[in-house]
C-alpha atoms as a PDB file:
ATOM      1  CA  MET A   1     -70.131  82.887 -28.517  1.00  0.00           C
ATOM      2  CA  ASN A   2     -67.265  79.873 -29.801  1.00  0.00           C
ATOM      3  CA  VAL A   3     -66.686  77.044 -28.294  1.00  0.00           C
ATOM      4  CA  SER A   4     -63.720  77.540 -26.695  1.00  0.00           C
ATOM      5  CA  PHE A   5     -65.111  80.402 -24.321  1.00  0.00           C
ATOM      6  CA  ALA A   6     -68.459  78.030 -23.749  1.00  0.00           C
ATOM      7  CA  ILE A   7     -65.848  75.124 -22.367  1.00  0.00           C
ATOM      8  CA  ARG A   8     -63.683  77.570 -20.284  1.00  0.00           C
ATOM      9  CA  THR A   9     -66.600  79.011 -18.672  1.00  0.00           C
ATOM     10  CA  LEU A  10     -68.042  75.748 -17.529  1.00  0.00           C
ATOM     11  CA  ALA A  11     -64.746  74.622 -16.505  1.00  0.00           C
ATOM     12  CA  ILE A  12     -64.443  77.857 -14.061  1.00  0.00           C
ATOM     13  CA  THR A  13     -68.531  77.087 -13.144  1.00  0.00           C
ATOM     14  CA  ALA A  14     -67.296  73.394 -12.427  1.00  0.00           C
ATOM     15  CA  LEU A  15     -64.207  74.693 -10.534  1.00  0.00           C
ATOM     16  CA  LEU A  16     -65.878  77.327  -8.539  1.00  0.00           C
ATOM     17  CA  ILE A  17     -68.789  74.462  -7.268  1.00  0.00           C
ATOM     18  CA  CYS A  18     -66.122  72.150  -6.812  1.00  0.00           C
ATOM     19  CA  SER A  19     -64.753  74.687  -4.466  1.00  0.00           C
ATOM     20  CA  GLY A  20     -66.833  75.381  -2.106  1.00  0.00           C
ATOM     21  CA  SER A  21     -67.649  79.021  -3.539  1.00  0.00           C
ATOM     22  CA  PHE A  22     -71.613  78.315  -3.828  1.00  0.00           C
ATOM     23  CA  SER A  23     -71.953  76.245  -0.864  1.00  0.00           C
ATOM     24  CA  ALA A  24     -73.066  79.995   1.050  1.00  0.00           C
ATOM     25  CA  TRP A  25     -75.890  79.416  -1.248  1.00  0.00           C
ATOM     26  CA  ALA A  26     -76.968  75.631  -0.148  1.00  0.00           C
ATOM     27  CA  ARG A  27     -76.571  76.699   3.622  1.00  0.00           C
ATOM     28  CA  ASP A  28     -78.514  79.946   3.334  1.00  0.00           C
ATOM     29  CA  ARG A  29     -81.201  78.242   1.738  1.00  0.00           C
ATOM     30  CA  HIS A  30     -81.488  74.443   3.259  1.00  0.00           C
ATOM     31  CA  PHE A  31     -82.254  73.488   6.451  1.00  0.00           C
ATOM     32  CA  ARG A  32     -82.791  70.639   8.497  1.00  0.00           C
ATOM     33  CA  ALA A  33     -83.370  69.384  12.165  1.00  0.00           C
ATOM     34  CA  THR A  34     -83.195  65.501  13.348  1.00  0.00           C
ATOM     35  CA  LEU A  35     -85.708  65.568  16.559  1.00  0.00           C
ATOM     36  CA  ASN A  36     -85.897  63.139  19.533  1.00  0.00           C
ATOM     37  CA  THR A  37     -87.250  62.362  23.425  1.00  0.00           C
ATOM     38  CA  PHE A  38     -83.464  63.540  24.298  1.00  0.00           C
ATOM     39  CA  GLU A  39     -82.939  66.970  22.893  1.00  0.00           C
ATOM     40  CA  GLU A  40     -86.251  67.945  24.679  1.00  0.00           C
ATOM     41  CA  THR A  41     -86.113  69.734  27.866  1.00  0.00           C
ATOM     42  CA  PRO A  42     -85.879  68.655  30.422  1.00  0.00           C
ATOM     43  CA  ALA A  43     -85.034  65.685  27.975  1.00  0.00           C
ATOM     44  CA  ILE A  44     -87.477  62.269  27.777  1.00  0.00           C
ATOM     45  CA  VAL A  45     -86.751  58.757  27.053  1.00  0.00           C
ATOM     46  CA  GLY A  46     -89.115  57.910  24.902  1.00  0.00           C
ATOM     47  CA  THR A  47     -89.155  56.574  21.372  1.00  0.00           C
ATOM     48  CA  GLY A  48     -90.115  59.176  19.281  1.00  0.00           C
ATOM     49  CA  THR A  49     -88.074  60.737  16.395  1.00  0.00           C
ATOM     50  CA  GLY A  50     -88.870  63.011  13.711  1.00  0.00           C
ATOM     51  CA  HIS A  51     -86.706  64.673  10.475  1.00  0.00           C
ATOM     52  CA  LEU A  52     -87.226  68.187   9.409  1.00  0.00           C
ATOM     53  CA  SER A  53     -86.602  69.631   6.251  1.00  0.00           C
ATOM     54  CA  LEU A  54     -86.835  73.128   4.739  1.00  0.00           C
ATOM     55  CA  THR A  55     -86.073  74.975   1.638  1.00  0.00           C
ATOM     56  CA  LEU A  56     -85.985  78.766   1.449  1.00  0.00           C
ATOM     57  CA  HIS A  57     -87.334  80.702  -2.232  1.00  0.00           C
ATOM     58  CA  ASP A  58     -86.507  83.526  -3.683  1.00  0.00           C
ATOM     59  CA  ASN A  59     -89.718  84.901  -3.135  1.00  0.00           C
ATOM     60  CA  GLY A  60     -89.700  84.962   0.274  1.00  0.00           C
ATOM     61  CA  THR A  61     -91.749  80.961   0.927  1.00  0.00           C
ATOM     62  CA  MET A  62     -90.178  78.380   2.430  1.00  0.00           C
ATOM     63  CA  ASP A  63     -91.276  74.673   1.969  1.00  0.00           C
ATOM     64  CA  PHE A  64     -91.372  72.196   4.857  1.00  0.00           C
ATOM     65  CA  GLU A  65     -91.571  68.137   5.505  1.00  0.00           C
ATOM     66  CA  LEU A  66     -92.101  66.899   9.083  1.00  0.00           C
ATOM     67  CA  THR A  67     -91.964  63.375   8.897  1.00  0.00           C
ATOM     68  CA  PHE A  68     -92.255  61.917  12.199  1.00  0.00           C
ATOM     69  CA  SER A  69     -93.370  58.527  14.347  1.00  0.00           C
ATOM     70  CA  GLY A  70     -93.568  56.701  17.443  1.00  0.00           C
ATOM     71  CA  LEU A  71     -94.883  59.408  19.721  1.00  0.00           C
ATOM     72  CA  THR A  72     -96.461  58.011  22.828  1.00  0.00           C
ATOM     73  CA  GLY A  73     -99.832  59.889  21.678  1.00  0.00           C
ATOM     74  CA  PRO A  74    -101.561  61.907  18.954  1.00  0.00           C
ATOM     75  CA  ALA A  75     -99.792  65.427  17.946  1.00  0.00           C
ATOM     76  CA  SER A  76    -101.170  68.062  19.230  1.00  0.00           C
ATOM     77  CA  ALA A  77     -99.261  70.932  17.932  1.00  0.00           C
ATOM     78  CA  ALA A  78     -95.481  71.332  15.764  1.00  0.00           C
ATOM     79  CA  HIS A  79     -93.489  74.689  15.144  1.00  0.00           C
ATOM     80  CA  ILE A  80     -90.595  76.575  15.198  1.00  0.00           C
ATOM     81  CA  HIS A  81     -89.490  77.741  18.251  1.00  0.00           C
ATOM     82  CA  ILE A  82     -86.289  81.109  18.796  1.00  0.00           C
ATOM     83  CA  GLY A  83     -83.791  79.272  21.476  1.00  0.00           C
ATOM     84  CA  GLN A  84     -80.228  77.644  21.609  1.00  0.00           C
ATOM     85  CA  ARG A  85     -79.986  73.654  22.288  1.00  0.00           C
ATOM     86  CA  ALA A  86     -81.570  72.894  25.819  1.00  0.00           C
ATOM     87  CA  VAL A  87     -83.134  76.284  26.008  1.00  0.00           C
ATOM     88  CA  ALA A  88     -87.186  76.669  26.128  1.00  0.00           C
ATOM     89  CA  GLY A  89     -87.869  79.521  23.827  1.00  0.00           C
ATOM     90  CA  ASN A  90     -91.264  80.811  22.603  1.00  0.00           C
ATOM     91  CA  VAL A  91     -93.409  80.031  19.202  1.00  0.00           C
ATOM     92  CA  THR A  92     -92.695  81.400  16.195  1.00  0.00           C
ATOM     93  CA  ILE A  93     -94.242  79.311  13.336  1.00  0.00           C
ATOM     94  CA  PHE A  94     -96.778  76.646  13.149  1.00  0.00           C
ATOM     95  CA  PHE A  95     -96.213  73.401  11.275  1.00  0.00           C
ATOM     96  CA  CYS A  96     -99.277  71.627  12.598  1.00  0.00           C
ATOM     97  CA  GLY A  97    -102.090  72.020  15.671  1.00  0.00           C
ATOM     98  CA  GLY A  98    -102.310  75.914  15.704  1.00  0.00           C
ATOM     99  CA  GLY A  99    -101.168  79.266  13.943  1.00  0.00           C
ATOM    100  CA  GLY A 100    -103.989  78.714  10.881  1.00  0.00           C
ATOM    101  CA  ARG A 101    -102.725  74.915  10.006  1.00  0.00           C
ATOM    102  CA  PRO A 102    -104.698  72.072  10.435  1.00  0.00           C
ATOM    103  CA  ALA A 103    -104.438  69.371  12.870  1.00  0.00           C
ATOM    104  CA  CYS A 104    -101.209  67.279  12.805  1.00  0.00           C
ATOM    105  CA  PRO A 105    -102.116  63.411  11.625  1.00  0.00           C
ATOM    106  CA  GLY A 106    -101.655  61.527  15.081  1.00  0.00           C
ATOM    107  CA  ALA A 107     -98.620  59.933  16.436  1.00  0.00           C
ATOM    108  CA  SER A 108     -97.244  59.441  13.217  1.00  0.00           C
ATOM    109  CA  GLY A 109     -96.933  60.806   9.913  1.00  0.00           C
ATOM    110  CA  THR A 110     -95.511  63.321   7.775  1.00  0.00           C
ATOM    111  CA  VAL A 111     -96.967  67.301   7.454  1.00  0.00           C
ATOM    112  CA  THR A 112     -96.111  69.601   4.578  1.00  0.00           C
ATOM    113  CA  GLY A 113     -96.437  72.680   3.606  1.00  0.00           C
ATOM    114  CA  THR A 114     -95.480  76.369   2.607  1.00  0.00           C
ATOM    115  CA  ILE A 115     -94.564  79.064   5.118  1.00  0.00           C
ATOM    116  CA  THR A 116     -94.631  82.561   4.369  1.00  0.00           C
ATOM    117  CA  ALA A 117     -93.956  85.811   6.555  1.00  0.00           C
ATOM    118  CA  ASN A 118     -98.132  85.636   7.322  1.00  0.00           C
ATOM    119  CA  ASP A 119     -96.994  82.166   9.475  1.00  0.00           C
ATOM    120  CA  VAL A 120     -94.484  83.915  11.766  1.00  0.00           C
ATOM    121  CA  LEU A 121     -95.951  84.731  15.455  1.00  0.00           C
ATOM    122  CA  PRO A 122     -95.049  87.875  17.385  1.00  0.00           C
ATOM    123  CA  VAL A 123     -92.582  87.239  20.127  1.00  0.00           C
ATOM    124  CA  PRO A 124     -91.353  90.997  21.219  1.00  0.00           C
ATOM    125  CA  THR A 125     -89.041  89.714  23.832  1.00  0.00           C
ATOM    126  CA  GLN A 126     -87.079  87.856  21.603  1.00  0.00           C
ATOM    127  CA  GLY A 127     -86.878  90.598  18.852  1.00  0.00           C
ATOM    128  CA  ILE A 128     -89.512  88.699  16.498  1.00  0.00           C
ATOM    129  CA  ASP A 129     -92.190  90.919  15.470  1.00  0.00           C
ATOM    130  CA  ALA A 130     -95.092  89.519  13.216  1.00  0.00           C
ATOM    131  CA  GLY A 131     -94.563  88.358  10.000  1.00  0.00           C
ATOM    132  CA  ASP A 132     -90.646  89.057  10.376  1.00  0.00           C
ATOM    133  CA  LEU A 133     -89.811  86.123   8.680  1.00  0.00           C
ATOM    134  CA  ASP A 134     -86.377  87.437   8.133  1.00  0.00           C
ATOM    135  CA  ALA A 135     -85.851  87.889  11.781  1.00  0.00           C
ATOM    136  CA  VAL A 136     -86.293  83.957  12.032  1.00  0.00           C
ATOM    137  CA  LEU A 137     -84.353  83.171   9.017  1.00  0.00           C
ATOM    138  CA  ARG A 138     -80.926  85.462  11.096  1.00  0.00           C
ATOM    139  CA  GLY A 139     -82.121  82.862  13.912  1.00  0.00           C
ATOM    140  CA  MET A 140     -81.985  79.753  11.740  1.00  0.00           C
ATOM    141  CA  ARG A 141     -78.930  80.569  10.053  1.00  0.00           C
ATOM    142  CA  ALA A 142     -77.247  81.316  13.763  1.00  0.00           C
ATOM    143  CA  GLY A 143     -78.238  78.339  15.076  1.00  0.00           C
ATOM    144  CA  VAL A 144     -80.766  79.224  17.935  1.00  0.00           C
ATOM    145  CA  THR A 145     -84.169  77.957  16.288  1.00  0.00           C
ATOM    146  CA  TYR A 146     -85.825  74.740  17.153  1.00  0.00           C
ATOM    147  CA  ALA A 147     -88.525  72.479  16.057  1.00  0.00           C
ATOM    148  CA  ASN A 148     -90.404  70.340  18.520  1.00  0.00           C
ATOM    149  CA  MET A 149     -93.795  68.565  18.657  1.00  0.00           C
ATOM    150  CA  HIS A 150     -96.160  68.125  21.539  1.00  0.00           C
ATOM    151  CA  THR A 151     -98.730  65.250  22.848  1.00  0.00           C
ATOM    152  CA  ALA A 152    -101.061  65.242  25.447  1.00  0.00           C
ATOM    153  CA  ALA A 153     -98.729  62.991  27.430  1.00  0.00           C
ATOM    154  CA  HIS A 154     -95.804  65.754  26.937  1.00  0.00           C
ATOM    155  CA  GLY A 155     -97.066  69.313  27.006  1.00  0.00           C
ATOM    156  CA  GLY A 156     -94.058  70.810  26.853  1.00  0.00           C
ATOM    157  CA  GLY A 157     -93.426  68.724  23.908  1.00  0.00           C
ATOM    158  CA  GLU A 158     -92.023  65.602  23.409  1.00  0.00           C
ATOM    159  CA  ILE A 159     -89.619  65.539  20.572  1.00  0.00           C
ATOM    160  CA  ARG A 160     -87.520  68.031  19.722  1.00  0.00           C
ATOM    161  CA  GLY A 161     -83.823  69.411  17.415  1.00  0.00           C
ATOM    162  CA  GLN A 162     -82.347  72.170  16.464  1.00  0.00           C
ATOM    163  CA  ILE A 163     -82.412  73.530  13.410  1.00  0.00           C
ATOM    164  CA  THR A 164     -79.107  73.871  11.533  1.00  0.00           C
ATOM    165  CA  THR A 165     -78.282  74.763   8.174  1.00  0.00           C
ATOM    166  CA  SER A 166     -77.698  71.316   5.698  1.00  0.00           C
ATOM    167  CA  ASP A 167     -73.573  71.641   5.889  1.00  0.00           C
ATOM    168  CA  ASP A 168     -74.216  71.945   9.569  1.00  0.00           C
ATOM    169  CA  HIS A 169     -76.656  69.282  10.038  1.00  0.00           C
ATOM    170  CA  GLU A 170     -73.969  67.002   7.873  1.00  0.00           C
ATOM    171  CA  ASP A 171     -70.914  67.809  10.202  1.00  0.00           C
ATOM    172  CA  ASP A 172     -73.596  66.531  13.755  1.00  0.00           C
ATOM    173  CA  GLN A 173     -74.844  63.579  11.918  1.00  0.00           C
ATOM    174  CA  GLY A 174     -71.591  61.767  13.073  1.00  0.00           C
ATOM    175  CA  GLU A 175     -71.897  62.752  16.824  1.00  0.00           C
ATOM    176  CA  GLY A 176     -75.663  61.864  17.406  1.00  0.00           C
ATOM    177  CA  ASN A 177     -76.111  65.069  18.404  1.00  0.00           C
ATOM    178  CA  ASP A 178     -79.407  66.253  16.385  1.00  0.00           C
END
């Protein structure tokens, strides 16, 4: 390979990256949610907050990190639901406190792990079969999934945040609506 060809190839690649042609890849693979009490349905006035980060890999697995604090007591469960903003939906994937996952670490902490198709619970009324991670990902890409955490004081959920792609999340941050 001659040097001129290599330089042209690098320049074209840099131009594509800067122009956003690779942004679809980032949106398809990186998801986030900012959880707080006001996003719960119904809203709660409280101090609990959390941040969820999910990364999809080529092998069909997804790593997650959920950091949270300020809950009224130990978290009893944390999971992904199918549901648009301000609408309650069914649980499909657990982070902790159920679905074969370890107990949640208390009123604050960090939960990490890897999600596989085996972690997907069936929600037939919402079009999700057991093990259908692709269906959950379609919901995530469409913005109709959310993460939340439950406590004894708030059995229906204490903090919640809509799951968005990384690009969507960055756009919403200025609005304070995550």
